[in-house]
């Protein structure tokens, strides 16, 4: 008889012998439901399954020692007897997979590296995240990405998550708020081991808005240990925040230092060329047709929040369909008028003049002076045009601010500027660049 056959027989023999050791009622109520696992049992380990926890506890308390003794009699040596729920291992695995899928389901499949528009403002962060997705846990770990709202931090992070999940990695994406809520739920239910197993056994942990850990000592403590467990086993960690780790107040020094262990990369507001490319890409995805002048206009008037682009395109498309009109520049300006005004409430002529002066390397006071040198006149024209476009100031108010005779002088200047824009490509580009810089810094 081979060893496997021996284990099958010995398990059945022990159960048969046990029947003689208990009453008929106890046998039918409890022992009868024991199942011996001959495949997983060995000479040192005997595994029995029962259908419910009540039977497990009853047999463990009453007959585990007796079963161990019977095995020793039959086998000639001591064995470890394991009484467990039927399919308990599979159930635990299924629960873990379900939890992981639930977390991973938060990944947006449309976020990919292919549809992320790369420019000078985000090129470094893009390269770092892509590299981490190709060599998880080996380069740039942890990887900390920071920048303002709507600049693409989450897109990049989830692009890496999608790549790694498709490669078979266990990926968890969550926000700090969701992490905290999950933590509280597990603490209340006294099942912290499940929380720790979930977050410390994954291959990749992606956490958004890490700045919200500020001044939360309990969750910072738990996150620190999670971070240590993952980092210690070479698992990839990618974090995002709205500011550099050093500037996040209320953060423990040990966490701050660990966030800087790998690589810290920032994403800046996109420059004009990148915003134009983003708009064109979004138009392609959303099947919205816009002319070059409309695309350029939108690029110069929206703020740094790139998410705003999709909202604008949806708004234009909806208005066009409902009103049965084509989308032209005038239509675009009218549709976006309220939104643009709301975005620019904080814009002042002082701020515009300061940005123009700094860019053109002259003093703001020179722009508002009566100076007639070529560079001052050039800067003054640009400032007047942008102030007229981006603020609600009237022509008399513009005349007073720039030291001109009256509103007719401003009107005459605006006409000249419009002619320059049509005839001088460099002048038009400079106005677009400065308008973009002013709106993204507002």
Foldseek 3Di string as FASTA:
>chain_A
DDQLVVLVVLVVVLLVVVCVVDDPVCCVVASVQWDWDSVPAHLAETEIAGADPVSLVVCVVPPLVVSQVSSCVSSVDGHHYHYYHVCPVVVVVVVLVVVLCVQLVPQDPVLALVLDQDDPQCPVVLVQLVVCLVPPLPAQAAEEEAAAAQLCQSSSLSNSVVSNVVVVFREGEEEVVVLVVVCVVCVVVVNVVSNLCNLLVGQEYEYEAPLVCAQVVVVLVVVVVSSCSNNVVSGYYYYYHHDQLVPRHRHDPVVSVNNVPGYYYYGYQDFLVSQLVSLVSLCVVVVNDDDPVQSLVVSLQAASNSVVSNVLRVQQVVCCVVVVHHDDNVSSCVSCVVVSCVLQVPDDLVLLLCLLCVVLVHDSVLLLDPDDDPSSVLSVLLSLQLCVVRHPDALQRSCVRSVHDGSVVSVVSNVVLVVCCVVPVVSVVVSSRSSRVSRHVD
